[in-house]
Amino acid sequence: MKQLTDLKAILHSKRANIYYLEKCRVLQKDGRVLYLSEEKDNKQYFNIPIANTTCILLSGGTSITQNAVRMLSQAGVMIGFCGTGGTPLISVSEIEWLSPQSEYRPTEYVQSWLKFWFDDEKRLYYAKQLQIWRLEFIQNIYSHDNDLKQEGFDANQSNIKDLLNDYKNKIKYAQNVSNLLLNEATLTKKLYHLACHTTKTKDFTRVHKATDKANQFLNHGNYLTYGLAATTLWVLGIPHGFALMHGKTRRGALVFDIADLIKDALILPWAFICAKENLSEQDFRLQCLQNFTKHKALDFMFDCIKKICHEEQTNE
């Protein structure tokens, strides 16, 4: 069996693959991690390049062997369990993660994070910073992604520009995290309205358990971003419970905070575009993964966390 040292080292921020698997068996065979399709008439093995994989989402009808988990852990691959279409298996708002077991991750980031986390003012300051970076990412993607601009999502349009500027001003004057969350919810609703208007989607209401394609694609795409966020935090050694916005006691809340950095830019518009074009879930997922690579989403997540930690170290 290949050992971790035999694998070609690829930084997590540069890894290209996220796998969403259903109705298959994941196993180790001949020193590789494979998945076996469970089709009755045509069973096939497919290789998973674990050294270039960020995370694996296991949906309904899947199983995984202990040896496969061991190899995935050696390669630093995050394993997540979810329901069909990215809907979590455990509850409507959480996904269950298996983190690779490693005590040799950096300590500098978690130490910097914990130094400010117990200070309410500093936690609010960095929560605002995350929201500002989120807006800047939306601005950047909507300004430079020609595919999105052709679909009508263009940051130079006055309605989008005014919306982003208005929320940026509200961020500055938010007095606590509750105000920040309220403003963030308003922004998201307006972005949904904008997407509906742009794609001519009628009668849309955001409901996680709804069966229309726009809602299903939003669920699915969001959980892909949660995989990236969970991987980022694991690599940097920061526990998911030390959230900035989504609540001190909410399990995994920091994953949601970090995922929010890219959801509105890379998931929300494409969920409505792909729903309008009546694409399959697989086609939508492929579009999301291409966007992650094209716009270096994982790099952006790593950079944001590192900036916070570096600023905290500088201010000592």
C-alpha atoms as a PDB file:
ATOM      1  CA  MET A   1       0.000   0.000   0.000  1.00  0.00           C
ATOM      2  CA  LYS A   2       1.216   3.500  -0.804  1.00  0.00           C
ATOM      3  CA  GLN A   3       2.246   5.563   2.165  1.00  0.00           C
ATOM      4  CA  LEU A   4       1.628   9.284   2.576  1.00  0.00           C
ATOM      5  CA  THR A   5       5.251  10.005   1.698  1.00  0.00           C
ATOM      6  CA  ASP A   6       4.785   8.188  -1.640  1.00  0.00           C
ATOM      7  CA  LEU A   7       2.089  10.623  -2.743  1.00  0.00           C
ATOM      8  CA  LYS A   8       2.970  13.667  -4.797  1.00  0.00           C
ATOM      9  CA  ALA A   9       2.575  16.651  -2.479  1.00  0.00           C
ATOM     10  CA  ILE A  10      -0.099  19.097  -3.658  1.00  0.00           C
ATOM     11  CA  LEU A  11      -1.086  22.030  -1.470  1.00  0.00           C
ATOM     12  CA  HIS A  12      -4.712  21.855  -0.406  1.00  0.00           C
ATOM     13  CA  SER A  13      -5.327  25.324  -1.782  1.00  0.00           C
ATOM     14  CA  LYS A  14      -4.232  24.085  -5.226  1.00  0.00           C
ATOM     15  CA  ARG A  15      -6.190  20.828  -5.290  1.00  0.00           C
ATOM     16  CA  ALA A  16      -8.702  20.501  -8.104  1.00  0.00           C
ATOM     17  CA  ASN A  17     -11.118  17.716  -7.172  1.00  0.00           C
ATOM     18  CA  ILE A  18     -14.280  17.464  -5.110  1.00  0.00           C
ATOM     19  CA  TYR A  19     -16.229  14.210  -5.395  1.00  0.00           C
ATOM     20  CA  TYR A  20     -19.964  13.747  -4.835  1.00  0.00           C
ATOM     21  CA  LEU A  21     -20.706  10.017  -4.837  1.00  0.00           C
ATOM     22  CA  GLU A  22     -23.982   8.115  -4.585  1.00  0.00           C
ATOM     23  CA  LYS A  23     -25.001   4.479  -5.024  1.00  0.00           C
ATOM     24  CA  CYS A  24     -21.444   3.188  -4.984  1.00  0.00           C
ATOM     25  CA  ARG A  25     -18.868   1.528  -2.765  1.00  0.00           C
ATOM     26  CA  VAL A  26     -15.605   3.279  -1.900  1.00  0.00           C
ATOM     27  CA  LEU A  27     -12.717   0.945  -1.211  1.00  0.00           C
ATOM     28  CA  GLN A  28      -8.959   0.479  -1.304  1.00  0.00           C
ATOM     29  CA  LYS A  29      -7.531  -1.783  -3.993  1.00  0.00           C
ATOM     30  CA  ASP A  30      -3.913  -2.260  -5.063  1.00  0.00           C
ATOM     31  CA  GLY A  31      -2.747   0.789  -3.145  1.00  0.00           C
ATOM     32  CA  ARG A  32      -5.397   3.095  -4.628  1.00  0.00           C
ATOM     33  CA  VAL A  33      -8.764   4.414  -3.509  1.00  0.00           C
ATOM     34  CA  LEU A  34     -11.522   3.445  -5.948  1.00  0.00           C
ATOM     35  CA  TYR A  35     -15.266   3.631  -6.122  1.00  0.00           C
ATOM     36  CA  LEU A  36     -17.320   0.805  -7.530  1.00  0.00           C
ATOM     37  CA  SER A  37     -20.560   1.654  -9.265  1.00  0.00           C
ATOM     38  CA  GLU A  38     -23.508  -0.391  -8.009  1.00  0.00           C
ATOM     39  CA  GLU A  39     -25.311  -0.715 -11.337  1.00  0.00           C
ATOM     40  CA  LYS A  40     -26.630  -4.241 -11.759  1.00  0.00           C
ATOM     41  CA  ASP A  41     -25.608  -4.778 -15.362  1.00  0.00           C
ATOM     42  CA  ASN A  42     -22.376  -2.827 -15.561  1.00  0.00           C
ATOM     43  CA  LYS A  43     -20.213  -2.605 -12.447  1.00  0.00           C
ATOM     44  CA  GLN A  44     -17.073  -0.556 -12.937  1.00  0.00           C
ATOM     45  CA  TYR A  45     -14.143   0.656 -10.853  1.00  0.00           C
ATOM     46  CA  PHE A  46     -13.118   4.322 -11.004  1.00  0.00           C
ATOM     47  CA  ASN A  47      -9.921   5.712  -9.521  1.00  0.00           C
ATOM     48  CA  ILE A  48      -9.969   8.667  -7.094  1.00  0.00           C
ATOM     49  CA  PRO A  49      -6.715  10.700  -7.318  1.00  0.00           C
ATOM     50  CA  ILE A  50      -6.535  11.289  -3.580  1.00  0.00           C
ATOM     51  CA  ALA A  51      -3.386  13.455  -3.643  1.00  0.00           C
ATOM     52  CA  ASN A  52      -5.285  16.009  -5.747  1.00  0.00           C
ATOM     53  CA  THR A  53      -8.627  15.752  -3.928  1.00  0.00           C
ATOM     54  CA  THR A  54      -9.997  18.277  -1.450  1.00  0.00           C
ATOM     55  CA  CYS A  55     -13.036  16.469  -0.073  1.00  0.00           C
ATOM     56  CA  ILE A  56     -15.482  13.666  -0.810  1.00  0.00           C
ATOM     57  CA  LEU A  57     -19.224  13.908  -0.223  1.00  0.00           C
ATOM     58  CA  LEU A  58     -20.902  10.531   0.272  1.00  0.00           C
ATOM     59  CA  SER A  59     -24.604  10.562  -0.514  1.00  0.00           C
ATOM     60  CA  GLY A  60     -27.352   7.935  -0.344  1.00  0.00           C
ATOM     61  CA  GLY A  61     -26.528   4.333  -1.160  1.00  0.00           C
ATOM     62  CA  THR A  62     -22.800   4.642  -0.499  1.00  0.00           C
ATOM     63  CA  SER A  63     -20.474   2.666   1.717  1.00  0.00           C
ATOM     64  CA  ILE A  64     -16.792   3.064   2.482  1.00  0.00           C
ATOM     65  CA  THR A  65     -14.221   0.631   3.839  1.00  0.00           C
ATOM     66  CA  GLN A  66     -11.852   1.221   6.722  1.00  0.00           C
ATOM     67  CA  ASN A  67      -8.806   0.882   4.456  1.00  0.00           C
ATOM     68  CA  ALA A  68     -10.209   3.524   2.105  1.00  0.00           C
ATOM     69  CA  VAL A  69     -10.757   5.913   5.027  1.00  0.00           C
ATOM     70  CA  ARG A  70      -7.189   5.280   6.174  1.00  0.00           C
ATOM     71  CA  MET A  71      -5.736   6.187   2.777  1.00  0.00           C
ATOM     72  CA  LEU A  72      -7.972   9.243   2.419  1.00  0.00           C
ATOM     73  CA  SER A  73      -6.871  10.405   5.869  1.00  0.00           C
ATOM     74  CA  GLN A  74      -3.221   9.915   4.969  1.00  0.00           C
ATOM     75  CA  ALA A  75      -3.742  12.157   1.956  1.00  0.00           C
ATOM     76  CA  GLY A  76      -5.596  14.789   4.026  1.00  0.00           C
ATOM     77  CA  VAL A  77      -8.951  14.369   2.277  1.00  0.00           C
ATOM     78  CA  MET A  78     -12.059  15.574   4.141  1.00  0.00           C
ATOM     79  CA  ILE A  79     -14.942  13.075   4.110  1.00  0.00           C
ATOM     80  CA  GLY A  80     -18.514  14.316   4.386  1.00  0.00           C
ATOM     81  CA  PHE A  81     -21.820  12.454   4.662  1.00  0.00           C
ATOM     82  CA  CYS A  82     -24.872  14.037   3.069  1.00  0.00           C
ATOM     83  CA  GLY A  83     -28.220  13.095   1.629  1.00  0.00           C
ATOM     84  CA  THR A  84     -29.255  13.049  -2.009  1.00  0.00           C
ATOM     85  CA  GLY A  85     -28.562  16.284  -3.839  1.00  0.00           C
ATOM     86  CA  GLY A  86     -26.393  17.673  -1.061  1.00  0.00           C
ATOM     87  CA  THR A  87     -29.168  17.742   1.535  1.00  0.00           C
ATOM     88  CA  PRO A  88     -27.500  16.765   4.855  1.00  0.00           C
ATOM     89  CA  LEU A  89     -28.201  13.362   6.254  1.00  0.00           C
ATOM     90  CA  ILE A  90     -28.113  14.459   9.899  1.00  0.00           C
ATOM     91  CA  SER A  91     -30.288  17.584   9.856  1.00  0.00           C
ATOM     92  CA  VAL A  92     -31.395  20.406   7.607  1.00  0.00           C
ATOM     93  CA  SER A  93     -28.466  22.662   8.420  1.00  0.00           C
ATOM     94  CA  GLU A  94     -25.461  20.494   9.197  1.00  0.00           C
ATOM     95  CA  ILE A  95     -23.214  18.074   7.409  1.00  0.00           C
ATOM     96  CA  GLU A  96     -21.220  15.463   9.282  1.00  0.00           C
ATOM     97  CA  TRP A  97     -17.480  15.591   8.613  1.00  0.00           C
ATOM     98  CA  LEU A  98     -14.732  13.080   9.176  1.00  0.00           C
ATOM     99  CA  SER A  99     -11.504  15.044   9.551  1.00  0.00           C
ATOM    100  CA  PRO A 100      -8.180  13.413   8.694  1.00  0.00           C
ATOM    101  CA  GLN A 101      -6.294  12.553  11.861  1.00  0.00           C
ATOM    102  CA  SER A 102      -3.126  14.601  12.015  1.00  0.00           C
ATOM    103  CA  GLU A 103      -1.440  16.346  14.910  1.00  0.00           C
ATOM    104  CA  TYR A 104       1.216  17.903  12.688  1.00  0.00           C
ATOM    105  CA  ARG A 105      -0.783  20.821  11.369  1.00  0.00           C
ATOM    106  CA  PRO A 106       0.392  24.397  12.038  1.00  0.00           C
ATOM    107  CA  THR A 107      -0.385  25.842  15.465  1.00  0.00           C
ATOM    108  CA  GLU A 108       0.167  29.527  14.651  1.00  0.00           C
ATOM    109  CA  TYR A 109      -3.275  30.048  13.107  1.00  0.00           C
ATOM    110  CA  VAL A 110      -5.382  28.555  15.872  1.00  0.00           C
ATOM    111  CA  GLN A 111      -3.306  30.432  18.477  1.00  0.00           C
ATOM    112  CA  SER A 112      -3.868  33.734  16.668  1.00  0.00           C
ATOM    113  CA  TRP A 113      -7.563  32.944  16.238  1.00  0.00           C
ATOM    114  CA  LEU A 114      -8.102  32.161  19.905  1.00  0.00           C
ATOM    115  CA  LYS A 115      -6.300  35.323  21.036  1.00  0.00           C
ATOM    116  CA  PHE A 116      -9.027  37.526  19.600  1.00  0.00           C
ATOM    117  CA  TRP A 117     -12.022  35.188  19.649  1.00  0.00           C
ATOM    118  CA  PHE A 118     -12.942  35.797  23.301  1.00  0.00           C
ATOM    119  CA  ASP A 119     -12.984  39.563  22.730  1.00  0.00           C
ATOM    120  CA  ASP A 120     -16.474  40.571  21.514  1.00  0.00           C
ATOM    121  CA  GLU A 121     -15.270  43.748  19.792  1.00  0.00           C
ATOM    122  CA  LYS A 122     -12.493  42.007  17.915  1.00  0.00           C
ATOM    123  CA  ARG A 123     -14.766  39.150  16.902  1.00  0.00           C
ATOM    124  CA  LEU A 124     -17.242  41.670  15.480  1.00  0.00           C
ATOM    125  CA  TYR A 125     -14.398  43.493  13.702  1.00  0.00           C
ATOM    126  CA  TYR A 126     -13.230  40.346  11.933  1.00  0.00           C
ATOM    127  CA  ALA A 127     -16.808  39.269  11.175  1.00  0.00           C
ATOM    128  CA  LYS A 128     -17.217  42.590   9.360  1.00  0.00           C
ATOM    129  CA  GLN A 129     -13.946  41.988   7.556  1.00  0.00           C
ATOM    130  CA  LEU A 130     -15.212  38.644   6.264  1.00  0.00           C
ATOM    131  CA  GLN A 131     -18.349  40.325   4.965  1.00  0.00           C
ATOM    132  CA  ILE A 132     -16.325  43.017   3.199  1.00  0.00           C
ATOM    133  CA  TRP A 133     -14.171  40.372   1.505  1.00  0.00           C
ATOM    134  CA  ARG A 134     -17.357  38.565   0.531  1.00  0.00           C
ATOM    135  CA  LEU A 135     -18.649  41.720  -1.207  1.00  0.00           C
ATOM    136  CA  GLU A 136     -15.317  42.324  -2.900  1.00  0.00           C
ATOM    137  CA  PHE A 137     -15.343  38.749  -4.211  1.00  0.00           C
ATOM    138  CA  ILE A 138     -18.862  39.206  -5.616  1.00  0.00           C
ATOM    139  CA  GLN A 139     -17.770  42.494  -7.186  1.00  0.00           C
ATOM    140  CA  ASN A 140     -14.706  40.854  -8.725  1.00  0.00           C
ATOM    141  CA  ILE A 141     -16.524  37.803 -10.122  1.00  0.00           C
ATOM    142  CA  TYR A 142     -19.498  39.763 -11.467  1.00  0.00           C
ATOM    143  CA  SER A 143     -17.041  42.196 -13.102  1.00  0.00           C
ATOM    144  CA  HIS A 144     -14.692  39.713 -14.783  1.00  0.00           C
ATOM    145  CA  ASP A 145     -16.612  36.479 -15.442  1.00  0.00           C
ATOM    146  CA  ASN A 146     -17.761  36.863 -19.050  1.00  0.00           C
ATOM    147  CA  ASP A 147     -20.146  33.890 -18.798  1.00  0.00           C
ATOM    148  CA  LEU A 148     -21.971  35.512 -15.893  1.00  0.00           C
ATOM    149  CA  LYS A 149     -22.000  38.903 -17.587  1.00  0.00           C
ATOM    150  CA  GLN A 150     -23.606  37.346 -20.673  1.00  0.00           C
ATOM    151  CA  GLU A 151     -26.325  35.952 -18.420  1.00  0.00           C
ATOM    152  CA  GLY A 152     -26.999  39.415 -16.980  1.00  0.00           C
ATOM    153  CA  PHE A 153     -24.937  39.292 -13.764  1.00  0.00           C
ATOM    154  CA  ASP A 154     -22.741  42.326 -14.304  1.00  0.00           C
ATOM    155  CA  ALA A 155     -21.315  44.357 -11.417  1.00  0.00           C
ATOM    156  CA  ASN A 156     -21.362  47.478 -13.585  1.00  0.00           C
ATOM    157  CA  GLN A 157     -25.158  47.476 -13.626  1.00  0.00           C
ATOM    158  CA  SER A 158     -26.558  50.111 -11.320  1.00  0.00           C
ATOM    159  CA  ASN A 159     -28.870  47.743  -9.404  1.00  0.00           C
ATOM    160  CA  ILE A 160     -26.017  45.396  -8.480  1.00  0.00           C
ATOM    161  CA  LYS A 161     -23.598  48.227  -7.766  1.00  0.00           C
ATOM    162  CA  ASP A 162     -26.112  50.018  -5.518  1.00  0.00           C
ATOM    163  CA  LEU A 163     -26.957  46.796  -3.669  1.00  0.00           C
ATOM    164  CA  LEU A 164     -23.324  46.007  -2.877  1.00  0.00           C
ATOM    165  CA  ASN A 165     -22.519  49.584  -1.871  1.00  0.00           C
ATOM    166  CA  ASP A 166     -25.576  49.767   0.385  1.00  0.00           C
ATOM    167  CA  TYR A 167     -24.629  46.578   2.224  1.00  0.00           C
ATOM    168  CA  LYS A 168     -21.014  47.713   2.548  1.00  0.00           C
ATOM    169  CA  ASN A 169     -22.211  50.856   4.324  1.00  0.00           C
ATOM    170  CA  LYS A 170     -24.447  48.816   6.618  1.00  0.00           C
ATOM    171  CA  ILE A 171     -21.511  46.608   7.565  1.00  0.00           C
ATOM    172  CA  LYS A 172     -19.592  49.631   8.863  1.00  0.00           C
ATOM    173  CA  TYR A 173     -22.402  50.735  11.171  1.00  0.00           C
ATOM    174  CA  ALA A 174     -23.471  47.309  12.493  1.00  0.00           C
ATOM    175  CA  GLN A 175     -23.179  47.469  16.274  1.00  0.00           C
ATOM    176  CA  ASN A 176     -23.239  43.753  16.963  1.00  0.00           C
ATOM    177  CA  VAL A 177     -23.282  40.369  15.230  1.00  0.00           C
ATOM    178  CA  SER A 178     -27.083  40.235  15.327  1.00  0.00           C
ATOM    179  CA  ASN A 179     -27.254  43.439  13.251  1.00  0.00           C
ATOM    180  CA  LEU A 180     -24.681  41.996  10.883  1.00  0.00           C
ATOM    181  CA  LEU A 181     -26.673  38.783  10.452  1.00  0.00           C
ATOM    182  CA  LEU A 182     -29.884  40.712   9.867  1.00  0.00           C
ATOM    183  CA  ASN A 183     -28.263  42.838   7.170  1.00  0.00           C
ATOM    184  CA  GLU A 184     -26.666  39.752   5.641  1.00  0.00           C
ATOM    185  CA  ALA A 185     -30.057  38.032   5.427  1.00  0.00           C
ATOM    186  CA  THR A 186     -31.480  41.099   3.698  1.00  0.00           C
ATOM    187  CA  LEU A 187     -28.603  41.097   1.200  1.00  0.00           C
ATOM    188  CA  THR A 188     -29.159  37.424   0.401  1.00  0.00           C
ATOM    189  CA  LYS A 189     -32.893  37.955  -0.167  1.00  0.00           C
ATOM    190  CA  LYS A 190     -32.157  40.839  -2.532  1.00  0.00           C
ATOM    191  CA  LEU A 191     -29.613  38.710  -4.400  1.00  0.00           C
ATOM    192  CA  TYR A 192     -32.275  35.995  -4.791  1.00  0.00           C
ATOM    193  CA  HIS A 193     -34.673  38.629  -6.117  1.00  0.00           C
ATOM    194  CA  LEU A 194     -32.001  39.903  -8.495  1.00  0.00           C
ATOM    195  CA  ALA A 195     -31.274  36.373  -9.743  1.00  0.00           C
ATOM    196  CA  CYS A 196     -34.995  35.683 -10.256  1.00  0.00           C
ATOM    197  CA  HIS A 197     -35.392  38.907 -12.230  1.00  0.00           C
ATOM    198  CA  THR A 198     -32.260  38.273 -14.312  1.00  0.00           C
ATOM    199  CA  THR A 199     -33.174  34.668 -15.193  1.00  0.00           C
ATOM    200  CA  LYS A 200     -36.931  35.347 -15.362  1.00  0.00           C
ATOM    201  CA  THR A 201     -37.608  32.818 -12.620  1.00  0.00           C
ATOM    202  CA  LYS A 202     -41.155  33.122 -11.290  1.00  0.00           C
ATOM    203  CA  ASP A 203     -42.631  32.289  -7.877  1.00  0.00           C
ATOM    204  CA  PHE A 204     -39.309  31.441  -6.216  1.00  0.00           C
ATOM    205  CA  THR A 205     -39.173  31.094  -2.432  1.00  0.00           C
ATOM    206  CA  ARG A 206     -36.026  29.900  -0.672  1.00  0.00           C
ATOM    207  CA  VAL A 207     -37.023  26.655   1.034  1.00  0.00           C
ATOM    208  CA  HIS A 208     -34.328  24.085   1.784  1.00  0.00           C
ATOM    209  CA  LYS A 209     -36.657  21.116   1.356  1.00  0.00           C
ATOM    210  CA  ALA A 210     -38.354  22.406  -1.799  1.00  0.00           C
ATOM    211  CA  THR A 211     -38.212  20.242  -4.913  1.00  0.00           C
ATOM    212  CA  ASP A 212     -37.773  22.920  -7.592  1.00  0.00           C
ATOM    213  CA  LYS A 213     -34.401  22.935  -9.322  1.00  0.00           C
ATOM    214  CA  ALA A 214     -33.267  26.367  -8.144  1.00  0.00           C
ATOM    215  CA  ASN A 215     -33.640  25.369  -4.482  1.00  0.00           C
ATOM    216  CA  GLN A 216     -32.075  21.970  -5.046  1.00  0.00           C
ATOM    217  CA  PHE A 217     -29.121  23.484  -6.872  1.00  0.00           C
ATOM    218  CA  LEU A 218     -28.632  26.053  -4.104  1.00  0.00           C
ATOM    219  CA  ASN A 219     -28.565  23.254  -1.522  1.00  0.00           C
ATOM    220  CA  HIS A 220     -26.154  21.174  -3.551  1.00  0.00           C
ATOM    221  CA  GLY A 221     -23.805  24.021  -4.393  1.00  0.00           C
ATOM    222  CA  ASN A 222     -23.769  25.339  -0.843  1.00  0.00           C
ATOM    223  CA  TYR A 223     -22.616  21.980   0.491  1.00  0.00           C
ATOM    224  CA  LEU A 224     -19.786  21.931  -2.013  1.00  0.00           C
ATOM    225  CA  THR A 225     -18.627  25.240  -0.519  1.00  0.00           C
ATOM    226  CA  TYR A 226     -18.951  23.749   2.976  1.00  0.00           C
ATOM    227  CA  GLY A 227     -16.527  21.035   1.870  1.00  0.00           C
ATOM    228  CA  LEU A 228     -13.995  23.653   0.797  1.00  0.00           C
ATOM    229  CA  ALA A 229     -14.473  25.639   4.017  1.00  0.00           C
ATOM    230  CA  ALA A 230     -14.115  22.546   6.225  1.00  0.00           C
ATOM    231  CA  THR A 231     -10.932  21.588   4.388  1.00  0.00           C
ATOM    232  CA  THR A 232      -9.479  25.085   4.772  1.00  0.00           C
ATOM    233  CA  LEU A 233     -10.082  25.116   8.508  1.00  0.00           C
ATOM    234  CA  TRP A 234      -8.730  21.609   9.004  1.00  0.00           C
ATOM    235  CA  VAL A 235      -5.516  22.354   7.099  1.00  0.00           C
ATOM    236  CA  LEU A 236      -4.951  25.524   9.161  1.00  0.00           C
ATOM    237  CA  GLY A 237      -5.846  23.723  12.390  1.00  0.00           C
ATOM    238  CA  ILE A 238      -8.766  25.946  13.438  1.00  0.00           C
ATOM    239  CA  PRO A 239     -11.757  24.162  15.074  1.00  0.00           C
ATOM    240  CA  HIS A 240     -15.153  24.688  13.441  1.00  0.00           C
ATOM    241  CA  GLY A 241     -16.760  25.884  16.660  1.00  0.00           C
ATOM    242  CA  PHE A 242     -14.944  29.237  16.875  1.00  0.00           C
ATOM    243  CA  ALA A 243     -17.350  31.091  14.592  1.00  0.00           C
ATOM    244  CA  LEU A 244     -17.473  34.813  13.930  1.00  0.00           C
ATOM    245  CA  MET A 245     -21.102  35.216  12.843  1.00  0.00           C
ATOM    246  CA  HIS A 246     -23.189  32.072  12.958  1.00  0.00           C
ATOM    247  CA  GLY A 247     -23.259  31.645  16.715  1.00  0.00           C
ATOM    248  CA  LYS A 248     -20.895  30.634  19.503  1.00  0.00           C
ATOM    249  CA  THR A 249     -22.708  27.391  20.252  1.00  0.00           C
ATOM    250  CA  ARG A 250     -23.741  26.256  16.766  1.00  0.00           C
ATOM    251  CA  ARG A 251     -21.861  23.149  15.765  1.00  0.00           C
ATOM    252  CA  GLY A 252     -19.657  23.699  12.729  1.00  0.00           C
ATOM    253  CA  ALA A 253     -20.622  27.367  12.507  1.00  0.00           C
ATOM    254  CA  LEU A 254     -17.227  28.626  11.329  1.00  0.00           C
ATOM    255  CA  VAL A 255     -17.600  26.398   8.252  1.00  0.00           C
ATOM    256  CA  PHE A 256     -20.693  28.412   7.321  1.00  0.00           C
ATOM    257  CA  ASP A 257     -18.878  31.712   7.922  1.00  0.00           C
ATOM    258  CA  ILE A 258     -16.047  30.785   5.562  1.00  0.00           C
ATOM    259  CA  ALA A 259     -18.329  29.246   2.942  1.00  0.00           C
ATOM    260  CA  ASP A 260     -20.268  32.534   2.787  1.00  0.00           C
ATOM    261  CA  LEU A 261     -17.182  34.141   1.253  1.00  0.00           C
ATOM    262  CA  ILE A 262     -17.887  32.504  -2.118  1.00  0.00           C
ATOM    263  CA  LYS A 263     -21.510  31.279  -2.117  1.00  0.00           C
ATOM    264  CA  ASP A 264     -23.133  34.437  -3.484  1.00  0.00           C
ATOM    265  CA  ALA A 265     -20.538  34.829  -6.230  1.00  0.00           C
ATOM    266  CA  LEU A 266     -20.066  31.251  -7.449  1.00  0.00           C
ATOM    267  CA  ILE A 267     -23.181  29.297  -6.402  1.00  0.00           C
ATOM    268  CA  LEU A 268     -26.207  31.598  -6.257  1.00  0.00           C
ATOM    269  CA  PRO A 269     -26.246  32.931  -9.836  1.00  0.00           C
ATOM    270  CA  TRP A 270     -25.415  29.590 -11.410  1.00  0.00           C
ATOM    271  CA  ALA A 271     -28.140  27.802  -9.442  1.00  0.00           C
ATOM    272  CA  PHE A 272     -30.713  30.013 -11.155  1.00  0.00           C
ATOM    273  CA  ILE A 273     -29.005  29.928 -14.549  1.00  0.00           C
ATOM    274  CA  CYS A 274     -28.748  26.122 -14.564  1.00  0.00           C
ATOM    275  CA  ALA A 275     -32.324  25.792 -13.310  1.00  0.00           C
ATOM    276  CA  LYS A 276     -33.499  28.074 -16.134  1.00  0.00           C
ATOM    277  CA  GLU A 277     -31.671  25.881 -18.656  1.00  0.00           C
ATOM    278  CA  ASN A 278     -33.118  22.750 -17.007  1.00  0.00           C
ATOM    279  CA  LEU A 279     -29.690  21.193 -16.565  1.00  0.00           C
ATOM    280  CA  SER A 280     -29.110  18.036 -14.556  1.00  0.00           C
ATOM    281  CA  GLU A 281     -27.679  18.041 -11.060  1.00  0.00           C
ATOM    282  CA  GLN A 282     -24.466  16.550 -12.418  1.00  0.00           C
ATOM    283  CA  ASP A 283     -24.099  19.359 -14.970  1.00  0.00           C
ATOM    284  CA  PHE A 284     -24.709  21.970 -12.281  1.00  0.00           C
ATOM    285  CA  ARG A 285     -22.118  20.349 -10.002  1.00  0.00           C
ATOM    286  CA  LEU A 286     -19.593  20.319 -12.843  1.00  0.00           C
ATOM    287  CA  GLN A 287     -20.238  24.024 -13.416  1.00  0.00           C
ATOM    288  CA  CYS A 288     -19.619  24.754  -9.724  1.00  0.00           C
ATOM    289  CA  LEU A 289     -16.371  22.794  -9.657  1.00  0.00           C
ATOM    290  CA  GLN A 290     -15.148  24.558 -12.780  1.00  0.00           C
ATOM    291  CA  ASN A 291     -15.949  27.894 -11.131  1.00  0.00           C
ATOM    292  CA  PHE A 292     -14.011  26.942  -7.999  1.00  0.00           C
ATOM    293  CA  THR A 293     -10.930  26.194 -10.078  1.00  0.00           C
ATOM    294  CA  LYS A 294     -11.349  29.110 -12.492  1.00  0.00           C
ATOM    295  CA  HIS A 295     -11.695  31.708  -9.732  1.00  0.00           C
ATOM    296  CA  LYS A 296      -9.323  30.051  -7.226  1.00  0.00           C
ATOM    297  CA  ALA A 297     -12.004  29.794  -4.548  1.00  0.00           C
ATOM    298  CA  LEU A 298      -9.966  27.631  -2.186  1.00  0.00           C
ATOM    299  CA  ASP A 299      -6.974  29.966  -2.441  1.00  0.00           C
ATOM    300  CA  PHE A 300      -9.282  32.857  -1.567  1.00  0.00           C
ATOM    301  CA  MET A 301     -10.581  31.079   1.553  1.00  0.00           C
ATOM    302  CA  PHE A 302      -7.056  30.298   2.745  1.00  0.00           C
ATOM    303  CA  ASP A 303      -5.921  33.881   2.105  1.00  0.00           C
ATOM    304  CA  CYS A 304      -8.804  35.373   4.108  1.00  0.00           C
ATOM    305  CA  ILE A 305      -8.141  33.213   7.166  1.00  0.00           C
ATOM    306  CA  LYS A 306      -4.418  33.868   6.972  1.00  0.00           C
ATOM    307  CA  LYS A 307      -4.971  37.629   6.694  1.00  0.00           C
ATOM    308  CA  ILE A 308      -7.013  37.618   9.893  1.00  0.00           C
ATOM    309  CA  CYS A 309      -4.389  35.616  11.766  1.00  0.00           C
ATOM    310  CA  HIS A 310      -1.540  37.721  10.397  1.00  0.00           C
ATOM    311  CA  GLU A 311      -3.280  40.960  11.393  1.00  0.00           C
ATOM    312  CA  GLU A 312      -3.825  39.623  14.900  1.00  0.00           C
ATOM    313  CA  GLN A 313      -0.152  38.655  15.172  1.00  0.00           C
ATOM    314  CA  THR A 314       0.921  42.077  13.881  1.00  0.00           C
ATOM    315  CA  ASN A 315      -1.262  43.863  16.455  1.00  0.00           C
ATOM    316  CA  GLU A 316       0.330  42.118  19.413  1.00  0.00           C
END
